[in-house]
Each structure stands twice: as structure tokens, then as C-alpha cells.
Amino acid sequence: MLQPKVLPKVLEQANTDGVKATILLNRQGQQLASSGEDAKVVPAIFANIWNSFDKNNKLEYMLTECEGGSVIITKVTEKLLLCLYGDKKVQLGMLKAKAKVLKDYIEEPLSHLVDVT
């Protein structure tokens, strides 16, 4: 069982080697847990981008290179998304690897949540 107090500490483990923040959010863009740089508007933007591209519910990862760095979004459960963003020096492969390891670790405990909308 993953305890709510522990979740930010688990997310924080990905914030190395240029990863600025790790955010757990629902598909409506509400931030549920985070670690790293303060991001108040970012989760809503990430959820909107994900929902725009995931029309058939088959999207696994979305990698984006931006002016300030890179972003990866992945689905943890049907209602939860995980987002990592990093600076320009973060390699996309490393960002995806961190997202996959973290997703695999939190997926099972979070799948027992009844309603996170």
C-alpha cells in the first residue's frame, strides 16, 4: 500500500540528472501529488495535451521537446497521468526510462483508488 505522505517522496526520486519536476495528475488536470519545481498551471496544460491526442485510449507515452526542455506524459491508470519534465540536457530516452520505472512502481497501488476526478 502506497501511503499519501510517501507519494511525493517516491516522485522525488525521479528528479535527478536534469529532471525538474514529477507530477501525478488526473485527466482533468488537477495536481494530486508532485515533487520538484512549483508548477500550478502546468498540470492542466499537460492533461489537455494528453486528452487531445488520446482519442482512442491507446496512447502510452507522449514525449515533447519544448524551448525550455523536454516533457513526458504517461497514463498510470485510466484516470491518472504521470508527467516528468526536465531541462534541455535531459535525454529523451532517460526521461522515458524514469517515467516507466516510476509508473510501474505506483501503478498497482494507485489502481485501487475508487475516484480521483
PDB file of N, CA and C in Angstrom:
ATOM      1  N   MET A   1       0.844  -1.182   0.000  1.00  0.00           N
ATOM      2  CA  MET A   1       0.000   0.000   0.000  1.00  0.00           C
ATOM      3  C   MET A   1       0.887   1.242   0.000  1.00  0.00           C
ATOM      4  N   LEU A   2       0.625   2.137  -0.918  1.00  0.00           N
ATOM      5  CA  LEU A   2       1.372   3.379  -1.033  1.00  0.00           C
ATOM      6  C   LEU A   2       0.645   4.452  -0.227  1.00  0.00           C
ATOM      7  N   GLN A   3       1.303   4.981   0.783  1.00  0.00           N
ATOM      8  CA  GLN A   3       0.666   5.954   1.662  1.00  0.00           C
ATOM      9  C   GLN A   3       0.769   7.355   1.067  1.00  0.00           C
ATOM     10  N   PRO A   4      -0.263   8.193   1.261  1.00  0.00           N
ATOM     11  CA  PRO A   4      -0.280   9.541   0.679  1.00  0.00           C
ATOM     12  C   PRO A   4       0.926  10.396   1.056  1.00  0.00           C
ATOM     13  N   LYS A   5       1.414  10.285   2.276  1.00  0.00           N
ATOM     14  CA  LYS A   5       2.576  11.070   2.702  1.00  0.00           C
ATOM     15  C   LYS A   5       3.836  10.666   1.954  1.00  0.00           C
ATOM     16  N   VAL A   6       3.902   9.414   1.537  1.00  0.00           N
ATOM     17  CA  VAL A   6       5.091   8.875   0.901  1.00  0.00           C
ATOM     18  C   VAL A   6       5.134   9.206  -0.597  1.00  0.00           C
ATOM     19  N   LEU A   7       3.996   9.439  -1.202  1.00  0.00           N
ATOM     20  CA  LEU A   7       3.922   9.633  -2.645  1.00  0.00           C
ATOM     21  C   LEU A   7       4.837  10.745  -3.167  1.00  0.00           C
ATOM     22  N   PRO A   8       4.864  11.948  -2.568  1.00  0.00           N
ATOM     23  CA  PRO A   8       5.811  12.964  -3.061  1.00  0.00           C
ATOM     24  C   PRO A   8       7.271  12.521  -2.962  1.00  0.00           C
ATOM     25  N   LYS A   9       7.601  11.749  -1.941  1.00  0.00           N
ATOM     26  CA  LYS A   9       8.971  11.251  -1.803  1.00  0.00           C
ATOM     27  C   LYS A   9       9.303  10.230  -2.893  1.00  0.00           C
ATOM     28  N   VAL A  10       8.322   9.425  -3.266  1.00  0.00           N
ATOM     29  CA  VAL A  10       8.514   8.467  -4.356  1.00  0.00           C
ATOM     30  C   VAL A  10       8.714   9.226  -5.671  1.00  0.00           C
ATOM     31  N   LEU A  11       7.891  10.239  -5.904  1.00  0.00           N
ATOM     32  CA  LEU A  11       8.011  11.041  -7.119  1.00  0.00           C
ATOM     33  C   LEU A  11       9.358  11.766  -7.177  1.00  0.00           C
ATOM     34  N   GLU A  12       9.830  12.196  -6.030  1.00  0.00           N
ATOM     35  CA  GLU A  12      11.084  12.951  -5.945  1.00  0.00           C
ATOM     36  C   GLU A  12      12.287  12.148  -6.436  1.00  0.00           C
ATOM     37  N   GLN A  13      12.213  10.844  -6.358  1.00  0.00           N
ATOM     38  CA  GLN A  13      13.336  10.007  -6.758  1.00  0.00           C
ATOM     39  C   GLN A  13      13.673  10.144  -8.241  1.00  0.00           C
ATOM     40  N   ALA A  14      12.721  10.579  -9.038  1.00  0.00           N
ATOM     41  CA  ALA A  14      12.973  10.765 -10.475  1.00  0.00           C
ATOM     42  C   ALA A  14      13.640  12.106 -10.769  1.00  0.00           C
ATOM     43  N   ASN A  15      13.643  13.013  -9.809  1.00  0.00           N
ATOM     44  CA  ASN A  15      14.153  14.366 -10.032  1.00  0.00           C
ATOM     45  C   ASN A  15      15.671  14.442  -9.878  1.00  0.00           C
ATOM     46  N   THR A  16      16.362  13.797 -10.777  1.00  0.00           N
ATOM     47  CA  THR A  16      17.826  13.838 -10.817  1.00  0.00           C
ATOM     48  C   THR A  16      18.261  14.021 -12.259  1.00  0.00           C
ATOM     49  N   ASP A  17      19.506  14.365 -12.449  1.00  0.00           N
ATOM     50  CA  ASP A  17      20.097  14.474 -13.790  1.00  0.00           C
ATOM     51  C   ASP A  17      19.285  15.354 -14.741  1.00  0.00           C
ATOM     52  N   GLY A  18      18.834  16.488 -14.256  1.00  0.00           N
ATOM     53  CA  GLY A  18      18.146  17.448 -15.111  1.00  0.00           C
ATOM     54  C   GLY A  18      16.633  17.381 -15.094  1.00  0.00           C
ATOM     55  N   VAL A  19      16.041  16.368 -14.449  1.00  0.00           N
ATOM     56  CA  VAL A  19      14.586  16.317 -14.336  1.00  0.00           C
ATOM     57  C   VAL A  19      14.182  17.346 -13.288  1.00  0.00           C
ATOM     58  N   LYS A  20      13.346  18.306 -13.685  1.00  0.00           N
ATOM     59  CA  LYS A  20      12.962  19.410 -12.806  1.00  0.00           C
ATOM     60  C   LYS A  20      11.782  19.080 -11.907  1.00  0.00           C
ATOM     61  N   ALA A  21      10.827  18.318 -12.431  1.00  0.00           N
ATOM     62  CA  ALA A  21       9.630  18.035 -11.639  1.00  0.00           C
ATOM     63  C   ALA A  21       8.960  16.755 -12.109  1.00  0.00           C
ATOM     64  N   THR A  22       8.268  16.136 -11.177  1.00  0.00           N
ATOM     65  CA  THR A  22       7.463  14.948 -11.428  1.00  0.00           C
ATOM     66  C   THR A  22       6.094  15.221 -10.832  1.00  0.00           C
ATOM     67  N   ILE A  23       5.049  15.028 -11.640  1.00  0.00           N
ATOM     68  CA  ILE A  23       3.695  15.397 -11.220  1.00  0.00           C
ATOM     69  C   ILE A  23       2.742  14.235 -11.483  1.00  0.00           C
ATOM     70  N   LEU A  24       1.911  13.929 -10.509  1.00  0.00           N
ATOM     71  CA  LEU A  24       0.813  12.984 -10.672  1.00  0.00           C
ATOM     72  C   LEU A  24      -0.457  13.818 -10.764  1.00  0.00           C
ATOM     73  N   LEU A  25      -1.236  13.620 -11.813  1.00  0.00           N
ATOM     74  CA  LEU A  25      -2.434  14.418 -12.018  1.00  0.00           C
ATOM     75  C   LEU A  25      -3.559  13.568 -12.570  1.00  0.00           C
ATOM     76  N   ASN A  26      -4.766  14.070 -12.422  1.00  0.00           N
ATOM     77  CA  ASN A  26      -5.880  13.350 -13.027  1.00  0.00           C
ATOM     78  C   ASN A  26      -6.086  13.880 -14.450  1.00  0.00           C
ATOM     79  N   ARG A  27      -6.975  13.262 -15.194  1.00  0.00           N
ATOM     80  CA  ARG A  27      -7.160  13.621 -16.612  1.00  0.00           C
ATOM     81  C   ARG A  27      -7.811  14.986 -16.792  1.00  0.00           C
ATOM     82  N   GLN A  28      -8.324  15.563 -15.720  1.00  0.00           N
ATOM     83  CA  GLN A  28      -8.879  16.916 -15.785  1.00  0.00           C
ATOM     84  C   GLN A  28      -7.809  17.966 -15.501  1.00  0.00           C
ATOM     85  N   GLY A  29      -6.614  17.548 -15.153  1.00  0.00           N
ATOM     86  CA  GLY A  29      -5.516  18.471 -14.925  1.00  0.00           C
ATOM     87  C   GLY A  29      -5.307  18.877 -13.478  1.00  0.00           C
ATOM     88  N   GLN A  30      -6.009  18.249 -12.565  1.00  0.00           N
ATOM     89  CA  GLN A  30      -5.818  18.560 -11.144  1.00  0.00           C
ATOM     90  C   GLN A  30      -4.591  17.824 -10.623  1.00  0.00           C
ATOM     91  N   GLN A  31      -3.696  18.575 -10.039  1.00  0.00           N
ATOM     92  CA  GLN A  31      -2.474  18.006  -9.475  1.00  0.00           C
ATOM     93  C   GLN A  31      -2.806  17.262  -8.192  1.00  0.00           C
ATOM     94  N   LEU A  32      -2.411  15.993  -8.109  1.00  0.00           N
ATOM     95  CA  LEU A  32      -2.682  15.179  -6.931  1.00  0.00           C
ATOM     96  C   LEU A  32      -1.447  15.057  -6.038  1.00  0.00           C
ATOM     97  N   ALA A  33      -0.285  15.037  -6.661  1.00  0.00           N
ATOM     98  CA  ALA A  33       0.985  14.980  -5.924  1.00  0.00           C
ATOM     99  C   ALA A  33       2.073  15.458  -6.866  1.00  0.00           C
ATOM    100  N   SER A  34       3.115  16.040  -6.274  1.00  0.00           N
ATOM    101  CA  SER A  34       4.221  16.498  -7.117  1.00  0.00           C
ATOM    102  C   SER A  34       5.490  16.589  -6.303  1.00  0.00           C
ATOM    103  N   SER A  35       6.571  16.694  -7.041  1.00  0.00           N
ATOM    104  CA  SER A  35       7.867  16.906  -6.437  1.00  0.00           C
ATOM    105  C   SER A  35       8.697  17.700  -7.426  1.00  0.00           C
ATOM    106  N   GLY A  36       9.420  18.670  -6.929  1.00  0.00           N
ATOM    107  CA  GLY A  36      10.261  19.474  -7.789  1.00  0.00           C
ATOM    108  C   GLY A  36       9.762  20.895  -7.889  1.00  0.00           C
ATOM    109  N   GLU A  37      10.068  21.521  -9.012  1.00  0.00           N
ATOM    110  CA  GLU A  37       9.690  22.916  -9.211  1.00  0.00           C
ATOM    111  C   GLU A  37       8.187  23.109  -9.069  1.00  0.00           C
ATOM    112  N   ASP A  38       7.815  24.243  -8.528  1.00  0.00           N
ATOM    113  CA  ASP A  38       6.406  24.576  -8.352  1.00  0.00           C
ATOM    114  C   ASP A  38       5.747  24.746  -9.711  1.00  0.00           C
ATOM    115  N   ALA A  39       4.699  23.983  -9.962  1.00  0.00           N
ATOM    116  CA  ALA A  39       4.015  24.036 -11.250  1.00  0.00           C
ATOM    117  C   ALA A  39       2.516  24.044 -11.010  1.00  0.00           C
ATOM    118  N   LYS A  40       1.911  25.207 -11.057  1.00  0.00           N
ATOM    119  CA  LYS A  40       0.483  25.311 -10.792  1.00  0.00           C
ATOM    120  C   LYS A  40      -0.352  25.219 -12.059  1.00  0.00           C
ATOM    121  N   VAL A  41       0.105  25.798 -13.161  1.00  0.00           N
ATOM    122  CA  VAL A  41      -0.646  25.782 -14.407  1.00  0.00           C
ATOM    123  C   VAL A  41      -0.274  24.583 -15.268  1.00  0.00           C
ATOM    124  N   VAL A  42       0.935  24.105 -15.108  1.00  0.00           N
ATOM    125  CA  VAL A  42       1.473  23.045 -15.956  1.00  0.00           C
ATOM    126  C   VAL A  42       0.604  21.788 -15.987  1.00  0.00           C
ATOM    127  N   PRO A  43       0.110  21.256 -14.868  1.00  0.00           N
ATOM    128  CA  PRO A  43      -0.692  20.025 -14.941  1.00  0.00           C
ATOM    129  C   PRO A  43      -1.925  20.153 -15.831  1.00  0.00           C
ATOM    130  N   ALA A  44      -2.599  21.272 -15.796  1.00  0.00           N
ATOM    131  CA  ALA A  44      -3.781  21.459 -16.635  1.00  0.00           C
ATOM    132  C   ALA A  44      -3.405  21.441 -18.114  1.00  0.00           C
ATOM    133  N   ILE A  45      -2.282  22.054 -18.437  1.00  0.00           N
ATOM    134  CA  ILE A  45      -1.815  22.060 -19.827  1.00  0.00           C
ATOM    135  C   ILE A  45      -1.457  20.647 -20.276  1.00  0.00           C
ATOM    136  N   PHE A  46      -0.718  19.914 -19.434  1.00  0.00           N
ATOM    137  CA  PHE A  46      -0.319  18.554 -19.780  1.00  0.00           C
ATOM    138  C   PHE A  46      -1.535  17.648 -19.974  1.00  0.00           C
ATOM    139  N   ALA A  47      -2.511  17.738 -19.093  1.00  0.00           N
ATOM    140  CA  ALA A  47      -3.712  16.907 -19.213  1.00  0.00           C
ATOM    141  C   ALA A  47      -4.469  17.246 -20.498  1.00  0.00           C
ATOM    142  N   ASN A  48      -4.545  18.512 -20.821  1.00  0.00           N
ATOM    143  CA  ASN A  48      -5.235  18.926 -22.042  1.00  0.00           C
ATOM    144  C   ASN A  48      -4.531  18.384 -23.280  1.00  0.00           C
ATOM    145  N   ILE A  49      -3.213  18.449 -23.302  1.00  0.00           N
ATOM    146  CA  ILE A  49      -2.448  17.911 -24.430  1.00  0.00           C
ATOM    147  C   ILE A  49      -2.676  16.406 -24.539  1.00  0.00           C
ATOM    148  N   TRP A  50      -2.590  15.703 -23.418  1.00  0.00           N
ATOM    149  CA  TRP A  50      -2.796  14.243 -23.417  1.00  0.00           C
ATOM    150  C   TRP A  50      -4.187  13.899 -23.955  1.00  0.00           C
ATOM    151  N   ASN A  51      -5.199  14.551 -23.424  1.00  0.00           N
ATOM    152  CA  ASN A  51      -6.571  14.248 -23.838  1.00  0.00           C
ATOM    153  C   ASN A  51      -6.813  14.572 -25.311  1.00  0.00           C
ATOM    154  N   SER A  52      -6.108  15.548 -25.843  1.00  0.00           N
ATOM    155  CA  SER A  52      -6.248  15.901 -27.257  1.00  0.00           C
ATOM    156  C   SER A  52      -5.716  14.796 -28.167  1.00  0.00           C
ATOM    157  N   PHE A  53      -4.678  14.116 -27.748  1.00  0.00           N
ATOM    158  CA  PHE A  53      -4.063  13.089 -28.579  1.00  0.00           C
ATOM    159  C   PHE A  53      -4.550  11.678 -28.267  1.00  0.00           C
ATOM    160  N   ASP A  54      -5.104  11.454 -27.110  1.00  0.00           N
ATOM    161  CA  ASP A  54      -5.504  10.104 -26.692  1.00  0.00           C
ATOM    162  C   ASP A  54      -6.989   9.866 -26.962  1.00  0.00           C
ATOM    163  N   LYS A  55      -7.395  10.001 -28.189  1.00  0.00           N
ATOM    164  CA  LYS A  55      -8.815   9.851 -28.554  1.00  0.00           C
ATOM    165  C   LYS A  55      -9.298   8.407 -28.432  1.00  0.00           C
ATOM    166  N   ASN A  56      -8.454   7.423 -28.727  1.00  0.00           N
ATOM    167  CA  ASN A  56      -8.855   6.017 -28.700  1.00  0.00           C
ATOM    168  C   ASN A  56      -8.394   5.299 -27.444  1.00  0.00           C
ATOM    169  N   ASN A  57      -7.864   6.040 -26.486  1.00  0.00           N
ATOM    170  CA  ASN A  57      -7.396   5.482 -25.213  1.00  0.00           C
ATOM    171  C   ASN A  57      -6.297   4.435 -25.424  1.00  0.00           C
ATOM    172  N   LYS A  58      -5.452   4.646 -26.435  1.00  0.00           N
ATOM    173  CA  LYS A  58      -4.378   3.698 -26.726  1.00  0.00           C
ATOM    174  C   LYS A  58      -2.992   4.316 -26.577  1.00  0.00           C
ATOM    175  N   LEU A  59      -2.936   5.587 -26.260  1.00  0.00           N
ATOM    176  CA  LEU A  59      -1.658   6.274 -26.116  1.00  0.00           C
ATOM    177  C   LEU A  59      -0.955   5.799 -24.850  1.00  0.00           C
ATOM    178  N   GLU A  60       0.334   5.456 -24.962  1.00  0.00           N
ATOM    179  CA  GLU A  60       1.094   5.010 -23.797  1.00  0.00           C
ATOM    180  C   GLU A  60       2.011   6.095 -23.262  1.00  0.00           C
ATOM    181  N   TYR A  61       2.730   6.758 -24.154  1.00  0.00           N
ATOM    182  CA  TYR A  61       3.654   7.817 -23.767  1.00  0.00           C
ATOM    183  C   TYR A  61       3.527   8.966 -24.754  1.00  0.00           C
ATOM    184  N   MET A  62       3.749  10.165 -24.265  1.00  0.00           N
ATOM    185  CA  MET A  62       3.850  11.316 -25.129  1.00  0.00           C
ATOM    186  C   MET A  62       5.108  12.076 -24.733  1.00  0.00           C
ATOM    187  N   LEU A  63       6.046  12.166 -25.660  1.00  0.00           N
ATOM    188  CA  LEU A  63       7.295  12.885 -25.445  1.00  0.00           C
ATOM    189  C   LEU A  63       7.256  14.171 -26.252  1.00  0.00           C
ATOM    190  N   THR A  64       7.631  15.256 -25.626  1.00  0.00           N
ATOM    191  CA  THR A  64       7.624  16.550 -26.293  1.00  0.00           C
ATOM    192  C   THR A  64       8.886  17.312 -25.953  1.00  0.00           C
ATOM    193  N   GLU A  65       9.506  17.863 -26.972  1.00  0.00           N
ATOM    194  CA  GLU A  65      10.644  18.743 -26.747  1.00  0.00           C
ATOM    195  C   GLU A  65      10.138  20.178 -26.867  1.00  0.00           C
ATOM    196  N   CYS A  66      10.422  20.965 -25.855  1.00  0.00           N
ATOM    197  CA  CYS A  66       9.985  22.356 -25.808  1.00  0.00           C
ATOM    198  C   CYS A  66      11.217  23.263 -25.806  1.00  0.00           C
ATOM    199  N   GLU A  67      10.973  24.545 -25.861  1.00  0.00           N
ATOM    200  CA  GLU A  67      12.066  25.509 -25.855  1.00  0.00           C
ATOM    201  C   GLU A  67      12.908  25.402 -24.584  1.00  0.00           C
ATOM    202  N   GLY A  68      12.261  25.165 -23.454  1.00  0.00           N
ATOM    203  CA  GLY A  68      12.967  25.118 -22.187  1.00  0.00           C
ATOM    204  C   GLY A  68      13.406  23.741 -21.730  1.00  0.00           C
ATOM    205  N   GLY A  69      13.025  22.699 -22.466  1.00  0.00           N
ATOM    206  CA  GLY A  69      13.390  21.355 -22.065  1.00  0.00           C
ATOM    207  C   GLY A  69      12.475  20.314 -22.675  1.00  0.00           C
ATOM    208  N   SER A  70      12.327  19.191 -21.991  1.00  0.00           N
ATOM    209  CA  SER A  70      11.540  18.070 -22.500  1.00  0.00           C
ATOM    210  C   SER A  70      10.477  17.652 -21.495  1.00  0.00           C
ATOM    211  N   VAL A  71       9.397  17.080 -22.019  1.00  0.00           N
ATOM    212  CA  VAL A  71       8.269  16.637 -21.197  1.00  0.00           C
ATOM    213  C   VAL A  71       7.878  15.238 -21.634  1.00  0.00           C
ATOM    214  N   ILE A  72       7.552  14.388 -20.673  1.00  0.00           N
ATOM    215  CA  ILE A  72       6.955  13.090 -20.973  1.00  0.00           C
ATOM    216  C   ILE A  72       5.702  12.943 -20.124  1.00  0.00           C
ATOM    217  N   ILE A  73       4.661  12.423 -20.746  1.00  0.00           N
ATOM    218  CA  ILE A  73       3.403  12.152 -20.052  1.00  0.00           C
ATOM    219  C   ILE A  73       3.059  10.691 -20.328  1.00  0.00           C
ATOM    220  N   THR A  74       2.607   9.988 -19.302  1.00  0.00           N
ATOM    221  CA  THR A  74       2.171   8.612 -19.473  1.00  0.00           C
ATOM    222  C   THR A  74       0.958   8.341 -18.583  1.00  0.00           C
ATOM    223  N   LYS A  75       0.162   7.392 -19.003  1.00  0.00           N
ATOM    224  CA  LYS A  75      -1.031   7.020 -18.244  1.00  0.00           C
ATOM    225  C   LYS A  75      -0.642   6.000 -17.183  1.00  0.00           C
ATOM    226  N   VAL A  76      -1.013   6.288 -15.923  1.00  0.00           N
ATOM    227  CA  VAL A  76      -0.747   5.354 -14.825  1.00  0.00           C
ATOM    228  C   VAL A  76      -1.955   4.436 -14.655  1.00  0.00           C
ATOM    229  N   THR A  77      -3.140   5.023 -14.597  1.00  0.00           N
ATOM    230  CA  THR A  77      -4.410   4.284 -14.568  1.00  0.00           C
ATOM    231  C   THR A  77      -5.332   4.977 -15.566  1.00  0.00           C
ATOM    232  N   GLU A  78      -6.547   4.509 -15.684  1.00  0.00           N
ATOM    233  CA  GLU A  78      -7.493   5.134 -16.608  1.00  0.00           C
ATOM    234  C   GLU A  78      -7.746   6.605 -16.267  1.00  0.00           C
ATOM    235  N   LYS A  79      -7.575   6.974 -15.013  1.00  0.00           N
ATOM    236  CA  LYS A  79      -7.876   8.341 -14.590  1.00  0.00           C
ATOM    237  C   LYS A  79      -6.665   9.154 -14.161  1.00  0.00           C
ATOM    238  N   LEU A  80      -5.497   8.528 -14.098  1.00  0.00           N
ATOM    239  CA  LEU A  80      -4.318   9.234 -13.599  1.00  0.00           C
ATOM    240  C   LEU A  80      -3.205   9.286 -14.641  1.00  0.00           C
ATOM    241  N   LEU A  81      -2.529  10.432 -14.684  1.00  0.00           N
ATOM    242  CA  LEU A  81      -1.391  10.641 -15.571  1.00  0.00           C
ATOM    243  C   LEU A  81      -0.153  10.965 -14.748  1.00  0.00           C
ATOM    244  N   LEU A  82       0.985  10.604 -15.267  1.00  0.00           N
ATOM    245  CA  LEU A  82       2.266  10.931 -14.655  1.00  0.00           C
ATOM    246  C   LEU A  82       3.037  11.778 -15.648  1.00  0.00           C
ATOM    247  N   CYS A  83       3.592  12.864 -15.166  1.00  0.00           N
ATOM    248  CA  CYS A  83       4.321  13.779 -16.026  1.00  0.00           C
ATOM    249  C   CYS A  83       5.685  14.079 -15.416  1.00  0.00           C
ATOM    250  N   LEU A  84       6.707  14.017 -16.236  1.00  0.00           N
ATOM    251  CA  LEU A  84       8.053  14.420 -15.833  1.00  0.00           C
ATOM    252  C   LEU A  84       8.516  15.478 -16.817  1.00  0.00           C
ATOM    253  N   TYR A  85       9.111  16.543 -16.321  1.00  0.00           N
ATOM    254  CA  TYR A  85       9.730  17.473 -17.247  1.00  0.00           C
ATOM    255  C   TYR A  85      11.109  17.858 -16.764  1.00  0.00           C
ATOM    256  N   GLY A  86      11.956  18.061 -17.764  1.00  0.00           N
ATOM    257  CA  GLY A  86      13.347  18.320 -17.449  1.00  0.00           C
ATOM    258  C   GLY A  86      13.924  19.430 -18.301  1.00  0.00           C
ATOM    259  N   ASP A  87      15.140  19.805 -17.982  1.00  0.00           N
ATOM    260  CA  ASP A  87      15.797  20.874 -18.718  1.00  0.00           C
ATOM    261  C   ASP A  87      16.318  20.348 -20.058  1.00  0.00           C
ATOM    262  N   LYS A  88      17.016  21.204 -20.773  1.00  0.00           N
ATOM    263  CA  LYS A  88      17.474  20.863 -22.123  1.00  0.00           C
ATOM    264  C   LYS A  88      18.493  19.734 -22.166  1.00  0.00           C
ATOM    265  N   LYS A  89      19.198  19.511 -21.065  1.00  0.00           N
ATOM    266  CA  LYS A  89      20.246  18.483 -21.096  1.00  0.00           C
ATOM    267  C   LYS A  89      19.713  17.064 -20.889  1.00  0.00           C
ATOM    268  N   VAL A  90      18.467  16.916 -20.505  1.00  0.00           N
ATOM    269  CA  VAL A  90      17.886  15.584 -20.275  1.00  0.00           C
ATOM    270  C   VAL A  90      17.662  14.887 -21.616  1.00  0.00           C
ATOM    271  N   GLN A  91      18.169  13.690 -21.730  1.00  0.00           N
ATOM    272  CA  GLN A  91      17.952  12.897 -22.939  1.00  0.00           C
ATOM    273  C   GLN A  91      16.561  12.273 -22.877  1.00  0.00           C
ATOM    274  N   LEU A  92      15.885  12.236 -24.020  1.00  0.00           N
ATOM    275  CA  LEU A  92      14.518  11.713 -24.063  1.00  0.00           C
ATOM    276  C   LEU A  92      14.451  10.254 -23.613  1.00  0.00           C
ATOM    277  N   GLY A  93      15.447   9.466 -23.961  1.00  0.00           N
ATOM    278  CA  GLY A  93      15.467   8.062 -23.540  1.00  0.00           C
ATOM    279  C   GLY A  93      15.532   7.918 -22.029  1.00  0.00           C
ATOM    280  N   MET A  94      16.327   8.760 -21.384  1.00  0.00           N
ATOM    281  CA  MET A  94      16.433   8.719 -19.925  1.00  0.00           C
ATOM    282  C   MET A  94      15.131   9.176 -19.286  1.00  0.00           C
ATOM    283  N   LEU A  95      14.504  10.191 -19.852  1.00  0.00           N
ATOM    284  CA  LEU A  95      13.233  10.685 -19.334  1.00  0.00           C
ATOM    285  C   LEU A  95      12.165   9.591 -19.427  1.00  0.00           C
ATOM    286  N   LYS A  96      12.131   8.891 -20.548  1.00  0.00           N
ATOM    287  CA  LYS A  96      11.161   7.801 -20.714  1.00  0.00           C
ATOM    288  C   LYS A  96      11.454   6.652 -19.756  1.00  0.00           C
ATOM    289  N   ALA A  97      12.719   6.323 -19.579  1.00  0.00           N
ATOM    290  CA  ALA A  97      13.080   5.233 -18.669  1.00  0.00           C
ATOM    291  C   ALA A  97      12.653   5.553 -17.239  1.00  0.00           C
ATOM    292  N   LYS A  98      12.883   6.781 -16.806  1.00  0.00           N
ATOM    293  CA  LYS A  98      12.472   7.184 -15.456  1.00  0.00           C
ATOM    294  C   LYS A  98      10.954   7.131 -15.322  1.00  0.00           C
ATOM    295  N   ALA A  99      10.244   7.601 -16.345  1.00  0.00           N
ATOM    296  CA  ALA A  99       8.779   7.573 -16.306  1.00  0.00           C
ATOM    297  C   ALA A  99       8.262   6.140 -16.228  1.00  0.00           C
ATOM    298  N   LYS A 100       8.865   5.240 -16.982  1.00  0.00           N
ATOM    299  CA  LYS A 100       8.413   3.839 -16.983  1.00  0.00           C
ATOM    300  C   LYS A 100       8.640   3.174 -15.627  1.00  0.00           C
ATOM    301  N   VAL A 101       9.809   3.369 -15.055  1.00  0.00           N
ATOM    302  CA  VAL A 101      10.108   2.764 -13.755  1.00  0.00           C
ATOM    303  C   VAL A 101       9.154   3.299 -12.687  1.00  0.00           C
ATOM    304  N   LEU A 102       8.946   4.592 -12.694  1.00  0.00           N
ATOM    305  CA  LEU A 102       8.055   5.205 -11.703  1.00  0.00           C
ATOM    306  C   LEU A 102       6.614   4.759 -11.911  1.00  0.00           C
ATOM    307  N   LYS A 103       6.173   4.732 -13.155  1.00  0.00           N
ATOM    308  CA  LYS A 103       4.814   4.272 -13.467  1.00  0.00           C
ATOM    309  C   LYS A 103       4.606   2.840 -12.988  1.00  0.00           C
ATOM    310  N   ASP A 104       5.557   1.968 -13.297  1.00  0.00           N
ATOM    311  CA  ASP A 104       5.442   0.565 -12.892  1.00  0.00           C
ATOM    312  C   ASP A 104       5.368   0.421 -11.370  1.00  0.00           C
ATOM    313  N   TYR A 105       6.058   1.292 -10.658  1.00  0.00           N
ATOM    314  CA  TYR A 105       6.085   1.218  -9.195  1.00  0.00           C
ATOM    315  C   TYR A 105       4.768   1.689  -8.566  1.00  0.00           C
ATOM    316  N   ILE A 106       4.168   2.746  -9.133  1.00  0.00           N
ATOM    317  CA  ILE A 106       2.965   3.316  -8.495  1.00  0.00           C
ATOM    318  C   ILE A 106       1.658   2.823  -9.108  1.00  0.00           C
ATOM    319  N   GLU A 107       1.729   2.152 -10.243  1.00  0.00           N
ATOM    320  CA  GLU A 107       0.511   1.737 -10.955  1.00  0.00           C
ATOM    321  C   GLU A 107      -0.393   0.829 -10.118  1.00  0.00           C
ATOM    322  N   GLU A 108       0.156  -0.217  -9.564  1.00  0.00           N
ATOM    323  CA  GLU A 108      -0.679  -1.180  -8.812  1.00  0.00           C
ATOM    324  C   GLU A 108      -1.311  -0.557  -7.573  1.00  0.00           C
ATOM    325  N   PRO A 109      -0.565   0.142  -6.722  1.00  0.00           N
ATOM    326  CA  PRO A 109      -1.211   0.731  -5.552  1.00  0.00           C
ATOM    327  C   PRO A 109      -2.258   1.785  -5.907  1.00  0.00           C
ATOM    328  N   LEU A 110      -2.006   2.556  -6.959  1.00  0.00           N
ATOM    329  CA  LEU A 110      -2.959   3.603  -7.330  1.00  0.00           C
ATOM    330  C   LEU A 110      -4.176   3.064  -8.079  1.00  0.00           C
ATOM    331  N   SER A 111      -4.076   1.871  -8.599  1.00  0.00           N
ATOM    332  CA  SER A 111      -5.220   1.283  -9.314  1.00  0.00           C
ATOM    333  C   SER A 111      -6.380   0.958  -8.374  1.00  0.00           C
ATOM    334  N   HIS A 112      -6.116   0.937  -7.069  1.00  0.00           N
ATOM    335  CA  HIS A 112      -7.156   0.635  -6.086  1.00  0.00           C
ATOM    336  C   HIS A 112      -7.957   1.865  -5.678  1.00  0.00           C
ATOM    337  N   LEU A 113      -7.548   3.031  -6.132  1.00  0.00           N
ATOM    338  CA  LEU A 113      -8.309   4.240  -5.820  1.00  0.00           C
ATOM    339  C   LEU A 113      -9.653   4.186  -6.544  1.00  0.00           C
ATOM    340  N   VAL A 114     -10.694   4.542  -5.847  1.00  0.00           N
ATOM    341  CA  VAL A 114     -12.022   4.448  -6.425  1.00  0.00           C
ATOM    342  C   VAL A 114     -12.321   5.632  -7.332  1.00  0.00           C
ATOM    343  N   ASP A 115     -12.139   6.860  -6.847  1.00  0.00           N
ATOM    344  CA  ASP A 115     -12.494   8.031  -7.636  1.00  0.00           C
ATOM    345  C   ASP A 115     -11.490   9.149  -7.382  1.00  0.00           C
ATOM    346  N   VAL A 116     -10.837   9.583  -8.436  1.00  0.00           N
ATOM    347  CA  VAL A 116      -9.857  10.658  -8.313  1.00  0.00           C
ATOM    348  C   VAL A 116     -10.210  11.840  -9.201  1.00  0.00           C
ATOM    349  N   THR A 117     -11.462  11.898  -9.645  1.00  0.00           N
ATOM    350  CA  THR A 117     -11.879  13.013 -10.505  1.00  0.00           C
ATOM    351  C   THR A 117     -12.350  14.173  -9.687  1.00  0.00           C
TER     352      THR A 117
END
